[in-house]
Structures are given as structure tokens and as C-alpha cells.
Amino acid sequence: MSILLEGISKAFGSKVVLDRIDLEVREGETVAVIGGSGVGKSVLLKTIVGLLEPDAGRVVVDDQVVTELSREHLYELRRRVGYVFQFAALFDSMTVKDNLAMGLRRIAGMDAEERAHRTEEALRLVEMEGYEGQLPGQLSGGQRKRVGLARAVATRPKYLLYDEPTTGLDPVTTSVIDRLILKMDEELGVTSVVVTHDMTSAYRVADRIAMLYDGRIRFTGTPAEIQAADDPIVRGFVEGRPELMQESTA
């Protein structure tokens, strides 16, 4: 099973964000999608789970065409996909335990004992045992990110989608989050898509890296391959050298 994007296009008014995107995420691998702010990385993620509908092309997840699914089957698909939001998206008035339990309550037939077990298991995976009774406002930024990840894995998904998981974090905390992303892959066997503009993080967690630029996939390859790329647009971004990108488009 895999995630397959074929000819995906998406525009908002006259602004074309995605322009005939082709990308495959193979079973068991982690693909990092990189690119500058506003290039459509989060839009791409949202099309995978049907939160946004493409103007053209198709998204296939588990051999199902996402845009052709009924509402009921789309909800079933989303239960197999864990989504880690950029700013964790926790409910401030709820404890950590209750934030995790919210998604679990939507699973038919799951009783309170199983929800408690899943919550405990998910917090252990992200190394946040003992924080069940804390409110989000009592947590650091990195801890909130970990709780957001715990909520995503509590449903035991096949796929994990990360939207800028290290934004706003210091280098040490970023390293912790990267290690947890790798841990999820190893312990849960999930297939992951990580949207990021942090190249250090992308090199750590990804099997392959896809660069989004000007609405298209500019380059796809392993971390070693993208670091050795000759394309000045790619080199300019990954090396933090905007002059290369400006010279290429001049």
C-alpha cells in the first residue's frame, strides 16, 4: 500500500499553488516535502486526507481514490491517517488525557478501559508519561508537539502526516522531535510524510526528500542525492544560498 499523487493541481483564485504534482510515498518509508514558506506544502498534505479537493488529478491511498470516496468511507480512511498539526492544535481547556481521548471516542465500540490503555500507550511512545492531568498551557512548546504526536498515534494509524513538526523549536528540542519521528516509524511501522523547511530535520528523518518549488516537484531523491544535486534552485534552498536561486531565475 502507498500514497500516490497523480497530476494534482490546486489554485486559490488566480494563484496556482500546486501544478500537476506527481509523487509516490512507498509503504514503510518517510518522505520529507521541503520548500519555502507559502509554496503549498501544507496544501499538499491536506489533499492527501481529503481536507482539500484538488482541481485536477487524483490522490490514491490504500488503493482508494480519495476524491471518489463517500463521506462515510472518507472518515474510515482518515482513521488510518494520523495528522500532526503545525502548532499541535490542542484544546486549552482540556487535559492532555482528554485531548488524546477525543479522537478515540469517535472509534465505534471502544470502551473507557481501552481508551485509557491507548492514551497511556501513546504518551509512553512520545515519552510523556505522567503528564495526563496537565493542561496544554502548562507545557513547553516541545511538550505540546509531543502531545500532538501522541494524539495522532493513539488511533494506531497506518500513515502519519506531519505539518512542520519542528517549527518554532530550539535545536535540542528539534532533535528530540526528529528522534520521535524515527521512533514512530520503527515501532509502529507507519508510512510518513513530513512537511518541513528545516533541512537538518529532513536529512535526519527522511528516506527520500521531495522539493516543492513554483507549484511543481523540482527534485526527488535521497538525502545524499539532494545534497549532491546540480540544480541551482535546489542547491540554493538546501544550502541556504538565495543568490543561487536568484541567478537561476534571472
Protein backbone atom coordinates (compact mmCIF):
# COMPACT_ATOMS: atom_id res chain seq x y z
CA MET A 1 0.00 0.00 0.00
CA SER A 2 1.15 3.55 -0.61
CA ILE A 3 0.17 7.16 -1.09
CA LEU A 4 0.07 8.20 -4.73
CA LEU A 5 -0.49 11.70 -6.09
CA GLU A 6 -1.08 11.89 -9.85
CA GLY A 7 -1.32 15.19 -11.70
CA ILE A 8 -2.52 17.12 -8.64
CA SER A 9 -3.34 20.78 -9.28
CA LYS A 10 -4.82 23.28 -6.86
CA ALA A 11 -5.42 27.01 -7.21
CA PHE A 12 -6.94 29.61 -4.92
CA GLY A 13 -8.43 32.23 -7.19
CA SER A 14 -5.77 33.18 -9.72
CA LYS A 15 -2.92 31.80 -7.60
CA VAL A 16 -1.81 28.34 -8.69
CA VAL A 17 -0.36 26.56 -5.65
CA LEU A 18 0.08 23.01 -6.97
CA ASP A 19 0.64 22.44 -10.67
CA ARG A 20 0.37 18.82 -11.89
CA ILE A 21 2.13 17.26 -8.91
CA ASP A 22 3.22 13.62 -9.16
CA LEU A 23 4.55 11.93 -6.02
CA GLU A 24 4.56 8.41 -4.57
CA VAL A 25 5.18 7.60 -0.92
CA ARG A 26 6.03 3.91 -0.72
CA GLU A 27 4.92 1.64 2.07
CA GLY A 28 7.07 1.96 5.17
CA GLU A 29 9.13 4.93 4.03
CA THR A 30 9.31 8.52 5.22
CA VAL A 31 9.22 11.25 2.60
CA ALA A 32 10.06 14.82 3.58
CA VAL A 33 8.46 17.52 1.46
CA ILE A 34 10.60 20.65 1.57
CA GLY A 35 10.25 24.13 0.14
CA GLY A 36 9.94 27.76 1.13
CA SER A 37 7.05 29.29 3.04
CA GLY A 38 3.84 29.51 1.05
CA VAL A 39 4.81 27.04 -1.71
CA GLY A 40 1.92 24.69 -0.96
CA LYS A 41 3.42 22.05 1.31
CA SER A 42 0.51 22.09 3.76
CA VAL A 43 -1.97 22.22 0.88
CA LEU A 44 -0.41 19.02 -0.46
CA LEU A 45 -0.84 17.32 2.93
CA LYS A 46 -4.49 18.35 3.17
CA THR A 47 -5.28 16.91 -0.27
CA ILE A 48 -3.99 13.52 0.87
CA VAL A 49 -6.68 13.22 3.57
CA GLY A 50 -9.41 14.97 1.61
CA LEU A 51 -9.44 18.17 3.68
CA LEU A 52 -8.91 19.96 0.37
CA GLU A 53 -10.13 18.73 -3.00
CA PRO A 54 -7.73 19.15 -5.94
CA ASP A 55 -8.87 20.97 -9.05
CA ALA A 56 -7.33 18.23 -11.19
CA GLY A 57 -5.61 14.89 -10.72
CA ARG A 58 -6.21 12.21 -8.14
CA VAL A 59 -4.94 11.07 -4.76
CA VAL A 60 -4.83 7.31 -4.11
CA VAL A 61 -4.39 5.98 -0.56
CA ASP A 62 -4.62 2.24 0.13
CA ASP A 63 -5.78 1.76 -3.49
CA GLN A 64 -8.72 4.10 -2.84
CA VAL A 65 -9.20 7.30 -4.84
CA VAL A 66 -9.75 9.86 -2.07
CA THR A 67 -11.94 12.23 -4.13
CA GLU A 68 -14.29 9.39 -5.07
CA LEU A 69 -14.97 8.22 -1.51
CA SER A 70 -18.31 8.71 0.17
CA ARG A 71 -18.33 10.72 3.38
CA GLU A 72 -18.52 7.52 5.42
CA HIS A 73 -15.59 5.90 3.63
CA LEU A 74 -13.57 9.14 3.79
CA TYR A 75 -13.98 9.11 7.59
CA GLU A 76 -12.82 5.48 7.63
CA LEU A 77 -9.74 6.46 5.63
CA ARG A 78 -8.95 9.35 7.98
CA ARG A 79 -8.96 6.95 10.92
CA ARG A 80 -5.99 5.23 9.25
CA VAL A 81 -4.15 8.52 8.88
CA GLY A 82 -2.66 10.39 11.85
CA TYR A 83 -2.28 14.14 11.28
CA VAL A 84 0.23 16.09 13.38
CA PHE A 85 -0.66 19.77 13.17
CA GLN A 86 1.95 22.52 12.99
CA PHE A 87 1.02 24.07 16.35
CA ALA A 88 -0.32 20.84 17.92
CA ALA A 89 -3.94 22.17 17.83
CA LEU A 90 -4.69 21.07 21.39
CA PHE A 91 -7.79 22.21 23.27
CA ASP A 92 -6.54 24.54 26.01
CA SER A 93 -9.39 23.78 28.40
CA MET A 94 -8.80 20.02 28.26
CA THR A 95 -6.14 17.97 30.00
CA VAL A 96 -3.60 16.01 28.00
CA LYS A 97 -5.59 12.84 28.67
CA ASP A 98 -8.84 14.38 27.43
CA ASN A 99 -7.15 15.78 24.31
CA LEU A 100 -6.00 12.28 23.41
CA ALA A 101 -9.32 10.69 24.28
CA MET A 102 -11.28 12.97 21.93
CA GLY A 103 -10.17 11.16 18.78
CA LEU A 104 -10.54 7.77 20.42
CA ARG A 105 -14.18 8.42 21.35
CA ARG A 106 -15.01 8.51 17.64
CA ILE A 107 -13.95 4.88 17.25
CA ALA A 108 -17.07 2.72 17.50
CA GLY A 109 -17.03 0.01 20.14
CA MET A 110 -14.04 1.32 22.10
CA ASP A 111 -14.79 1.39 25.82
CA ALA A 112 -13.28 3.60 28.52
CA GLU A 113 -10.74 0.97 29.57
CA GLU A 114 -9.38 0.62 26.01
CA ARG A 115 -9.26 4.43 25.60
CA ALA A 116 -7.26 4.70 28.82
CA HIS A 117 -4.87 1.97 27.60
CA ARG A 118 -4.39 3.68 24.22
CA THR A 119 -3.78 7.05 25.90
CA GLU A 120 -1.17 5.54 28.23
CA GLU A 121 0.49 3.72 25.34
CA ALA A 122 0.64 6.83 23.15
CA LEU A 123 2.12 9.00 25.90
CA ARG A 124 4.73 6.34 26.57
CA LEU A 125 5.70 6.33 22.89
CA VAL A 126 6.35 10.08 22.93
CA GLU A 127 7.99 9.93 26.38
CA MET A 128 5.30 11.99 28.13
CA GLU A 129 4.22 9.54 30.84
CA GLY A 130 2.86 11.28 33.92
CA TYR A 131 1.53 14.33 32.07
CA GLU A 132 -2.06 13.08 31.67
CA GLY A 133 -3.51 15.66 34.05
CA GLN A 134 -1.63 18.68 32.70
CA LEU A 135 -3.28 21.41 30.64
CA PRO A 136 -1.62 22.49 27.37
CA GLY A 137 -0.81 25.89 28.87
CA GLN A 138 1.35 24.15 31.47
CA LEU A 139 3.53 22.51 28.81
CA SER A 140 6.51 23.78 26.83
CA GLY A 141 6.30 24.12 23.06
CA GLY A 142 8.16 20.86 22.56
CA GLN A 143 5.92 19.04 25.04
CA ARG A 144 2.80 20.28 23.23
CA LYS A 145 4.25 18.98 19.95
CA ARG A 146 4.78 15.59 21.59
CA VAL A 147 1.20 15.51 22.88
CA GLY A 148 0.00 16.35 19.36
CA LEU A 149 2.02 13.40 18.09
CA ALA A 150 0.64 11.16 20.84
CA ARG A 151 -2.91 12.08 19.82
CA ALA A 152 -2.11 11.18 16.21
CA VAL A 153 -0.65 7.75 17.07
CA ALA A 154 -3.27 6.82 19.69
CA THR A 155 -5.61 5.65 16.92
CA ARG A 156 -2.84 3.33 15.64
CA PRO A 157 -2.72 4.76 12.11
CA LYS A 158 -1.02 3.26 9.07
CA TYR A 159 0.07 6.69 7.88
CA LEU A 160 1.40 9.75 9.70
CA LEU A 161 1.33 13.22 8.17
CA TYR A 162 3.44 15.88 9.88
CA ASP A 163 2.86 19.57 9.15
CA GLU A 164 6.04 21.48 10.10
CA PRO A 165 6.64 19.41 13.27
CA THR A 166 9.74 21.37 14.37
CA THR A 167 8.60 24.95 13.65
CA GLY A 168 9.43 27.31 16.49
CA LEU A 169 11.57 24.82 18.41
CA ASP A 170 15.16 25.20 19.54
CA PRO A 171 17.79 22.85 18.04
CA VAL A 172 17.81 20.47 21.01
CA THR A 173 14.02 20.10 21.07
CA THR A 174 14.01 19.75 17.29
CA SER A 175 16.42 16.83 17.65
CA VAL A 176 14.06 15.22 20.19
CA ILE A 177 11.09 15.53 17.82
CA ASP A 178 13.13 14.10 14.94
CA ARG A 179 14.13 11.14 17.11
CA LEU A 180 10.47 10.53 17.95
CA ILE A 181 9.51 10.61 14.27
CA LEU A 182 12.09 7.89 13.64
CA LYS A 183 10.82 6.00 16.68
CA MET A 184 7.25 6.03 15.32
CA ASP A 185 8.49 4.56 12.06
CA GLU A 186 10.47 1.83 13.81
CA GLU A 187 7.96 0.84 16.49
CA LEU A 188 4.70 1.33 14.60
CA GLY A 189 5.83 0.58 11.04
CA VAL A 190 3.97 3.62 9.68
CA THR A 191 4.38 5.33 6.34
CA SER A 192 5.08 9.03 6.85
CA VAL A 193 5.03 12.36 5.03
CA VAL A 194 6.89 15.17 6.81
CA VAL A 195 6.36 18.72 5.56
CA THR A 196 9.28 20.92 6.65
CA HIS A 197 11.60 23.73 5.66
CA ASP A 198 14.22 22.55 8.17
CA MET A 199 16.91 20.79 6.15
CA THR A 200 18.72 19.38 9.18
CA SER A 201 15.48 17.73 10.26
CA ALA A 202 14.74 16.47 6.74
CA TYR A 203 18.17 14.84 6.49
CA ARG A 204 17.64 13.10 9.84
CA VAL A 205 14.21 11.60 9.30
CA ALA A 206 13.69 11.08 5.56
CA ASP A 207 14.32 8.13 3.31
CA ARG A 208 13.60 10.43 0.37
CA ILE A 209 13.16 14.19 0.04
CA ALA A 210 10.88 15.94 -2.47
CA MET A 211 11.38 19.65 -3.09
CA LEU A 212 8.33 21.71 -3.98
CA TYR A 213 9.06 24.85 -5.98
CA ASP A 214 6.85 27.06 -8.13
CA GLY A 215 3.96 24.61 -7.85
CA ARG A 216 5.92 21.58 -9.08
CA ILE A 217 8.09 18.84 -7.63
CA ARG A 218 11.52 20.18 -8.55
CA PHE A 219 13.58 17.27 -7.26
CA THR A 220 13.09 13.91 -5.54
CA GLY A 221 15.87 11.79 -4.11
CA THR A 222 17.64 10.50 -1.04
CA PRO A 223 19.24 12.98 1.39
CA ALA A 224 22.63 12.22 -0.18
CA GLU A 225 21.28 12.76 -3.70
CA ILE A 226 19.67 16.10 -2.91
CA GLN A 227 22.86 17.33 -1.24
CA ALA A 228 24.76 16.45 -4.42
CA ALA A 229 22.21 18.00 -6.80
CA ASP A 230 23.48 20.32 -9.54
CA ASP A 231 20.21 22.26 -9.92
CA PRO A 232 20.93 25.79 -8.61
CA ILE A 233 17.36 26.16 -7.31
CA VAL A 234 17.74 23.00 -5.24
CA ARG A 235 21.26 23.89 -4.10
CA GLY A 236 20.23 27.41 -3.21
CA PHE A 237 17.46 26.16 -0.95
CA VAL A 238 19.21 23.28 0.79
CA GLU A 239 22.43 25.27 1.30
CA GLY A 240 20.64 28.48 2.32
CA ARG A 241 22.12 30.44 -0.60
CA PRO A 242 19.39 32.60 -2.12
CA GLU A 243 21.83 34.13 -4.60
CA LEU A 244 21.94 30.82 -6.48
CA MET A 245 18.16 30.80 -6.80
CA GLN A 246 18.09 34.43 -7.94
CA GLU A 247 20.78 33.83 -10.55
CA SER A 248 18.86 30.83 -11.90
CA THR A 249 15.64 32.80 -12.38
CA ALA A 250 17.31 35.99 -13.64
